[in-house]
Amino acid sequence: KIEPVDKRMLKANAHEAMQHQAEQQIQMLKRQAELLIKQAKAIEERLALSHSIYKAEINFEPVINGVYHLYQKKDGNQILSMVAPYEWGKAMPFEMFLNTVRLLPDKTWEILA
């Protein structure tokens, strides 16, 4: 027995399935785009930090994955040190501790604390 096809129902079901699939794919692409934008911003921030650190006084050769400490001197200039803030005792020779940083393999820096 052959039943006639309800063309309106066939088209409505196809349209609903198509719309649902397209919306899922669009949402997935939006999430991926947001992630890429977030990653790009993180790289820009790391690059800005790295420029700042390379402008600082560095009296040694930092090694990859080495942990260092960034300070601000009384004259406003920055200096990178191997000495952590807690290692100075009561007489830290700098105006202010700024960050603990690590040198990454691509020669950019990341803030640890």
Protein backbone atom coordinates (compact mmCIF):
# COMPACT_ATOMS: atom_id res chain seq x y z
CA LYS A 1 0.00 0.00 0.00
CA ILE A 2 1.44 3.34 -1.04
CA GLU A 3 0.52 6.34 1.08
CA PRO A 4 0.60 9.83 -0.37
CA VAL A 5 3.32 12.04 1.05
CA ASP A 6 2.30 15.15 2.94
CA LYS A 7 4.66 17.58 1.25
CA ARG A 8 4.00 20.33 3.77
CA MET A 9 4.94 18.07 6.69
CA LEU A 10 8.02 16.80 4.84
CA LYS A 11 9.22 20.36 4.20
CA ALA A 12 8.41 21.50 7.74
CA ASN A 13 10.39 18.61 9.28
CA ALA A 14 13.32 19.20 6.94
CA HIS A 15 13.29 22.93 7.69
CA GLU A 16 13.22 22.31 11.46
CA ALA A 17 16.09 19.81 11.31
CA MET A 18 18.10 22.10 9.04
CA GLN A 19 17.53 25.10 11.34
CA HIS A 20 18.50 23.13 14.44
CA GLN A 21 21.72 21.82 12.87
CA ALA A 22 22.70 25.22 11.52
CA GLU A 23 22.13 26.89 14.92
CA GLN A 24 24.27 24.26 16.65
CA GLN A 25 27.09 24.77 14.16
CA ILE A 26 26.85 28.57 14.46
CA GLN A 27 27.01 28.36 18.27
CA MET A 28 30.03 26.06 18.09
CA LEU A 29 31.81 28.47 15.72
CA LYS A 30 30.98 31.42 18.00
CA ARG A 31 32.50 29.59 20.99
CA GLN A 32 35.61 28.80 18.95
CA ALA A 33 35.88 32.44 17.85
CA GLU A 34 35.53 33.63 21.46
CA LEU A 35 38.29 31.24 22.49
CA LEU A 36 40.57 32.49 19.71
CA ILE A 37 39.92 36.10 20.71
CA LYS A 38 40.68 35.25 24.35
CA GLN A 39 43.91 33.51 23.32
CA ALA A 40 44.93 36.46 21.12
CA LYS A 41 44.33 38.89 24.01
CA ALA A 42 46.45 36.73 26.31
CA ILE A 43 49.29 36.78 23.77
CA GLU A 44 48.98 40.58 23.43
CA GLU A 45 49.14 40.96 27.22
CA ARG A 46 52.15 38.65 27.41
CA LEU A 47 53.84 40.64 24.64
CA ALA A 48 53.19 43.96 26.43
CA LEU A 49 54.61 42.50 29.66
CA SER A 50 57.63 41.21 27.76
CA HIS A 51 58.33 44.62 26.21
CA SER A 52 58.13 46.13 29.69
CA ILE A 53 60.53 43.57 31.15
CA TYR A 54 63.03 43.98 28.32
CA LYS A 55 63.04 47.74 29.03
CA ALA A 56 63.95 46.98 32.66
CA GLU A 57 67.51 46.75 33.94
CA ILE A 58 68.71 43.15 33.64
CA ASN A 59 72.19 42.43 34.99
CA PHE A 60 72.27 38.70 34.20
CA GLU A 61 71.19 36.38 31.40
CA PRO A 62 67.74 34.92 32.18
CA VAL A 63 67.29 31.24 31.37
CA ILE A 64 64.23 29.60 29.84
CA ASN A 65 61.69 28.63 32.52
CA GLY A 66 63.65 30.62 35.07
CA VAL A 67 61.62 32.45 37.72
CA TYR A 68 62.55 36.06 38.39
CA HIS A 69 61.21 39.07 40.22
CA LEU A 70 60.43 42.49 38.81
CA TYR A 71 60.87 45.55 41.02
CA GLN A 72 60.47 49.27 40.64
CA LYS A 73 63.37 51.42 41.76
CA LYS A 74 63.01 54.78 43.52
CA ASP A 75 63.72 56.62 40.24
CA GLY A 76 60.75 54.83 38.60
CA ASN A 77 62.85 52.48 36.47
CA GLN A 78 62.31 48.76 36.71
CA ILE A 79 64.83 46.05 37.48
CA LEU A 80 64.66 42.28 37.09
CA SER A 81 66.18 40.27 39.93
CA MET A 82 66.79 36.68 40.88
CA VAL A 83 66.04 37.60 44.51
CA ALA A 84 62.46 37.11 45.69
CA PRO A 85 60.78 39.75 47.87
CA TYR A 86 60.84 37.53 50.96
CA GLU A 87 64.59 36.96 50.54
CA TRP A 88 65.49 40.62 51.14
CA GLY A 89 64.48 40.58 54.78
CA LYS A 90 63.51 43.99 56.15
CA ALA A 91 65.72 46.03 53.83
CA MET A 92 64.47 45.56 50.27
CA PRO A 93 66.62 47.93 48.19
CA PHE A 94 63.82 48.83 45.79
CA GLU A 95 60.75 51.01 46.05
CA MET A 96 58.24 48.32 45.16
CA PHE A 97 57.85 44.67 44.16
CA LEU A 98 55.83 44.37 40.92
CA ASN A 99 55.62 40.73 39.80
CA THR A 100 57.16 37.30 39.85
CA VAL A 101 57.67 36.24 36.24
CA ARG A 102 58.88 33.27 34.21
CA LEU A 103 60.78 33.37 30.91
CA LEU A 104 59.03 31.18 28.35
CA PRO A 105 60.74 29.31 25.49
CA ASP A 106 59.56 31.90 22.96
CA LYS A 107 61.42 34.57 25.02
CA THR A 108 58.18 36.15 26.23
CA TRP A 109 57.35 36.39 29.91
CA GLU A 110 54.40 35.26 31.97
CA ILE A 111 53.31 36.59 35.34
CA LEU A 112 53.32 33.99 38.09
CA ALA A 113 52.41 36.24 41.02
